[in-house]
Amino acid sequence: MALHIDHVVLWVEDPLRALDFYTQVVGLAGVRVEEFRAGKAPFPSVRLSEASIFDLMPVSSAQFLRSYTGEEKPSAAGKPINHVCFAMTRGEFDALAARLAAANVAMHTVENPSFGARGFTDHWFYFQDPDGNTLEARHYE
C-alpha cells in the first residue's frame, strides 16, 4: 500500500497569525492565501511537500466542519494535537532552528534517541506554534 499524508487540519485562533508563523518562521509556502484574504476560501494552508499541506482551520469553524465530517462525538476543536513531526535535511534542520531562535520560539529536546518513520535519530527537537500545536523537527544521518 502506498499511502502518504495529504493534509492535516490544525485548529488555530487566528489563521493569518498562524500563516505568518508557518511561512515566516517555519519557512513553508502559503496556499490559497489571497483567496482566504478575499473571503473566497474558508481557511489558508501551508505546503509541507509536493503531496502534503497543513490546513489552518479557524476554531470558529468547528461546527461548520462537523457538518462535513459527520462527527457524532465532537473533536478537540481548539485543543492542540499532540504533535506532527517534520523530517528534513541537516541544512534545513539547522536553518529552522535558527529561525525559531530568532523568533524567540522555545525548542525542547532531551538526550535520548527518538524513533520515527525512518528509525532512530539523535537530531530532533520539539517546538510550539502560536496556538499551542506541538511540532517536532528531525533529521536522520
C-alpha atoms as a PDB file:
ATOM      1  CA  MET A   1       0.000   0.000   0.000  1.00  0.00           C
ATOM      2  CA  ALA A   2       1.423   3.402  -0.984  1.00  0.00           C
ATOM      3  CA  LEU A   3      -0.059   5.882   1.471  1.00  0.00           C
ATOM      4  CA  HIS A   4       1.044   9.382   2.286  1.00  0.00           C
ATOM      5  CA  ILE A   5      -0.484  12.184   4.311  1.00  0.00           C
ATOM      6  CA  ASP A   6      -2.492  14.519   2.076  1.00  0.00           C
ATOM      7  CA  HIS A   7      -3.303  17.130   4.717  1.00  0.00           C
ATOM      8  CA  VAL A   8      -3.552  17.729   8.451  1.00  0.00           C
ATOM      9  CA  VAL A   9      -6.060  20.210   9.880  1.00  0.00           C
ATOM     10  CA  LEU A  10      -4.651  22.370  12.675  1.00  0.00           C
ATOM     11  CA  TRP A  11      -7.097  24.332  14.838  1.00  0.00           C
ATOM     12  CA  VAL A  12      -5.967  27.959  15.091  1.00  0.00           C
ATOM     13  CA  GLU A  13      -7.413  31.060  16.757  1.00  0.00           C
ATOM     14  CA  ASP A  14      -6.168  33.442  14.062  1.00  0.00           C
ATOM     15  CA  PRO A  15      -5.441  31.946  10.614  1.00  0.00           C
ATOM     16  CA  LEU A  16      -3.380  34.955   9.497  1.00  0.00           C
ATOM     17  CA  ARG A  17      -1.214  34.818  12.631  1.00  0.00           C
ATOM     18  CA  ALA A  18      -0.731  31.068  12.076  1.00  0.00           C
ATOM     19  CA  LEU A  19       0.010  31.668   8.387  1.00  0.00           C
ATOM     20  CA  ASP A  20       2.660  34.225   9.322  1.00  0.00           C
ATOM     21  CA  PHE A  21       4.289  31.764  11.765  1.00  0.00           C
ATOM     22  CA  TYR A  22       4.344  28.857   9.315  1.00  0.00           C
ATOM     23  CA  THR A  23       5.580  30.938   6.376  1.00  0.00           C
ATOM     24  CA  GLN A  24       7.959  33.382   8.102  1.00  0.00           C
ATOM     25  CA  VAL A  25       9.332  31.267  10.966  1.00  0.00           C
ATOM     26  CA  VAL A  26       8.959  27.650   9.838  1.00  0.00           C
ATOM     27  CA  GLY A  27       9.641  28.547   6.192  1.00  0.00           C
ATOM     28  CA  LEU A  28       6.689  26.904   4.426  1.00  0.00           C
ATOM     29  CA  ALA A  29       4.881  28.296   1.377  1.00  0.00           C
ATOM     30  CA  GLY A  30       1.327  29.604   1.746  1.00  0.00           C
ATOM     31  CA  VAL A  31      -1.543  28.027  -0.220  1.00  0.00           C
ATOM     32  CA  ARG A  32      -4.839  29.833  -1.057  1.00  0.00           C
ATOM     33  CA  VAL A  33      -3.676  32.866   0.904  1.00  0.00           C
ATOM     34  CA  GLU A  34      -5.145  35.504  -1.421  1.00  0.00           C
ATOM     35  CA  GLU A  35      -8.392  33.525  -1.707  1.00  0.00           C
ATOM     36  CA  PHE A  36      -8.650  33.454   2.101  1.00  0.00           C
ATOM     37  CA  ARG A  37      -7.888  37.174   2.402  1.00  0.00           C
ATOM     38  CA  ALA A  38     -10.606  37.878  -0.200  1.00  0.00           C
ATOM     39  CA  GLY A  39     -13.165  35.740   1.664  1.00  0.00           C
ATOM     40  CA  LYS A  40     -13.267  33.137  -1.116  1.00  0.00           C
ATOM     41  CA  ALA A  41     -11.669  30.310   0.906  1.00  0.00           C
ATOM     42  CA  PRO A  42     -12.643  29.348   4.481  1.00  0.00           C
ATOM     43  CA  PHE A  43      -9.018  28.877   5.589  1.00  0.00           C
ATOM     44  CA  PRO A  44      -5.467  29.174   4.273  1.00  0.00           C
ATOM     45  CA  SER A  45      -2.992  26.310   4.096  1.00  0.00           C
ATOM     46  CA  VAL A  46       0.771  25.855   4.035  1.00  0.00           C
ATOM     47  CA  ARG A  47       2.631  23.366   1.861  1.00  0.00           C
ATOM     48  CA  LEU A  48       4.744  20.729   3.621  1.00  0.00           C
ATOM     49  CA  SER A  49       5.754  18.890   0.458  1.00  0.00           C
ATOM     50  CA  GLU A  50       4.503  18.366  -3.067  1.00  0.00           C
ATOM     51  CA  ALA A  51       1.961  15.919  -1.655  1.00  0.00           C
ATOM     52  CA  SER A  52       1.093  17.337   1.802  1.00  0.00           C
ATOM     53  CA  ILE A  53      -0.321  20.505   3.389  1.00  0.00           C
ATOM     54  CA  PHE A  54      -1.464  21.847   6.765  1.00  0.00           C
ATOM     55  CA  ASP A  55      -4.899  23.458   6.721  1.00  0.00           C
ATOM     56  CA  LEU A  56      -5.008  26.355   9.212  1.00  0.00           C
ATOM     57  CA  MET A  57      -8.643  25.978  10.299  1.00  0.00           C
ATOM     58  CA  PRO A  58     -10.183  28.695  12.485  1.00  0.00           C
ATOM     59  CA  VAL A  59     -11.577  27.296  15.740  1.00  0.00           C
ATOM     60  CA  SER A  60     -14.716  29.298  14.976  1.00  0.00           C
ATOM     61  CA  SER A  61     -15.336  26.896  12.046  1.00  0.00           C
ATOM     62  CA  ALA A  62     -15.676  23.804  14.262  1.00  0.00           C
ATOM     63  CA  GLN A  63     -19.455  23.464  13.921  1.00  0.00           C
ATOM     64  CA  PHE A  64     -19.269  24.077  10.174  1.00  0.00           C
ATOM     65  CA  LEU A  65     -16.569  21.422   9.784  1.00  0.00           C
ATOM     66  CA  ARG A  66     -18.642  18.922  11.769  1.00  0.00           C
ATOM     67  CA  SER A  67     -21.316  19.175   9.069  1.00  0.00           C
ATOM     68  CA  TYR A  68     -18.701  17.818   6.642  1.00  0.00           C
ATOM     69  CA  THR A  69     -17.172  15.128   8.842  1.00  0.00           C
ATOM     70  CA  GLY A  70     -20.378  13.763  10.369  1.00  0.00           C
ATOM     71  CA  GLU A  71     -18.791  13.698  13.831  1.00  0.00           C
ATOM     72  CA  GLU A  72     -21.079  12.276  16.462  1.00  0.00           C
ATOM     73  CA  LYS A  73     -18.602  12.975  19.243  1.00  0.00           C
ATOM     74  CA  PRO A  74     -17.097  16.468  18.862  1.00  0.00           C
ATOM     75  CA  SER A  75     -13.425  16.591  18.036  1.00  0.00           C
ATOM     76  CA  ALA A  76     -10.968  18.555  20.104  1.00  0.00           C
ATOM     77  CA  ALA A  77     -11.612  21.807  18.216  1.00  0.00           C
ATOM     78  CA  GLY A  78      -9.484  24.457  19.781  1.00  0.00           C
ATOM     79  CA  LYS A  79      -7.268  21.916  21.510  1.00  0.00           C
ATOM     80  CA  PRO A  80      -3.803  21.311  20.140  1.00  0.00           C
ATOM     81  CA  ILE A  81      -2.909  17.996  18.571  1.00  0.00           C
ATOM     82  CA  ASN A  82      -0.229  16.018  20.346  1.00  0.00           C
ATOM     83  CA  HIS A  83       2.360  16.677  17.655  1.00  0.00           C
ATOM     84  CA  VAL A  84       3.299  16.414  13.995  1.00  0.00           C
ATOM     85  CA  CYS A  85       6.888  15.635  13.036  1.00  0.00           C
ATOM     86  CA  PHE A  86       8.800  17.150  10.099  1.00  0.00           C
ATOM     87  CA  ALA A  87      11.756  15.170   8.702  1.00  0.00           C
ATOM     88  CA  MET A  88      14.279  17.236   6.764  1.00  0.00           C
ATOM     89  CA  THR A  89      17.902  17.528   5.718  1.00  0.00           C
ATOM     90  CA  ARG A  90      20.584  18.640   8.181  1.00  0.00           C
ATOM     91  CA  GLY A  91      20.788  22.051   6.488  1.00  0.00           C
ATOM     92  CA  GLU A  92      17.013  22.554   6.678  1.00  0.00           C
ATOM     93  CA  PHE A  93      17.057  21.411  10.321  1.00  0.00           C
ATOM     94  CA  ASP A  94      19.770  23.909  11.239  1.00  0.00           C
ATOM     95  CA  ALA A  95      18.050  26.727   9.324  1.00  0.00           C
ATOM     96  CA  LEU A  96      14.726  26.019  11.055  1.00  0.00           C
ATOM     97  CA  ALA A  97      16.401  26.034  14.467  1.00  0.00           C
ATOM     98  CA  ALA A  98      17.992  29.394  13.629  1.00  0.00           C
ATOM     99  CA  ARG A  99      14.656  30.919  12.509  1.00  0.00           C
ATOM    100  CA  LEU A 100      12.917  29.623  15.637  1.00  0.00           C
ATOM    101  CA  ALA A 101      15.662  31.044  17.857  1.00  0.00           C
ATOM    102  CA  ALA A 102      15.465  34.401  16.056  1.00  0.00           C
ATOM    103  CA  ALA A 103      11.695  34.443  16.657  1.00  0.00           C
ATOM    104  CA  ASN A 104      12.205  33.537  20.355  1.00  0.00           C
ATOM    105  CA  VAL A 105      10.376  30.226  19.943  1.00  0.00           C
ATOM    106  CA  ALA A 106      11.436  27.708  22.612  1.00  0.00           C
ATOM    107  CA  MET A 107      12.830  24.388  21.442  1.00  0.00           C
ATOM    108  CA  HIS A 108      12.887  21.328  23.677  1.00  0.00           C
ATOM    109  CA  THR A 109      14.904  18.132  23.430  1.00  0.00           C
ATOM    110  CA  VAL A 110      16.298  15.501  25.764  1.00  0.00           C
ATOM    111  CA  GLU A 111      19.425  13.390  25.437  1.00  0.00           C
ATOM    112  CA  ASN A 112      17.663  10.281  24.145  1.00  0.00           C
ATOM    113  CA  PRO A 113      17.358   8.917  20.637  1.00  0.00           C
ATOM    114  CA  SER A 114      13.903   9.422  19.140  1.00  0.00           C
ATOM    115  CA  PHE A 115      12.166   6.851  16.934  1.00  0.00           C
ATOM    116  CA  GLY A 116      10.339   7.833  13.745  1.00  0.00           C
ATOM    117  CA  ALA A 117       9.352   6.568  10.307  1.00  0.00           C
ATOM    118  CA  ARG A 118      12.967   6.007   9.246  1.00  0.00           C
ATOM    119  CA  GLY A 119      14.292   4.659  12.536  1.00  0.00           C
ATOM    120  CA  PHE A 120      16.166   6.339  15.382  1.00  0.00           C
ATOM    121  CA  THR A 121      17.864   9.727  15.369  1.00  0.00           C
ATOM    122  CA  ASP A 122      19.714  11.823  17.915  1.00  0.00           C
ATOM    123  CA  HIS A 123      18.875  15.005  15.967  1.00  0.00           C
ATOM    124  CA  TRP A 124      15.442  16.289  16.931  1.00  0.00           C
ATOM    125  CA  PHE A 125      13.575  18.939  18.904  1.00  0.00           C
ATOM    126  CA  TYR A 126      10.015  19.994  19.695  1.00  0.00           C
ATOM    127  CA  PHE A 127       8.527  23.479  19.424  1.00  0.00           C
ATOM    128  CA  GLN A 128       5.042  25.019  19.526  1.00  0.00           C
ATOM    129  CA  ASP A 129       3.202  27.299  17.142  1.00  0.00           C
ATOM    130  CA  PRO A 130       1.333  30.361  18.488  1.00  0.00           C
ATOM    131  CA  ASP A 131      -1.826  28.242  19.031  1.00  0.00           C
ATOM    132  CA  GLY A 132      -0.098  25.592  21.140  1.00  0.00           C
ATOM    133  CA  ASN A 133       0.155  22.933  18.416  1.00  0.00           C
ATOM    134  CA  THR A 134       3.330  20.970  19.134  1.00  0.00           C
ATOM    135  CA  LEU A 135       5.652  20.199  16.241  1.00  0.00           C
ATOM    136  CA  GLU A 136       8.796  18.116  16.044  1.00  0.00           C
ATOM    137  CA  ALA A 137      11.721  18.649  13.681  1.00  0.00           C
ATOM    138  CA  ARG A 138      14.297  15.959  12.936  1.00  0.00           C
ATOM    139  CA  HIS A 139      16.893  14.834  10.501  1.00  0.00           C
ATOM    140  CA  TYR A 140      18.385  11.384  10.046  1.00  0.00           C
ATOM    141  CA  GLU A 141      22.084  10.678   9.455  1.00  0.00           C
END
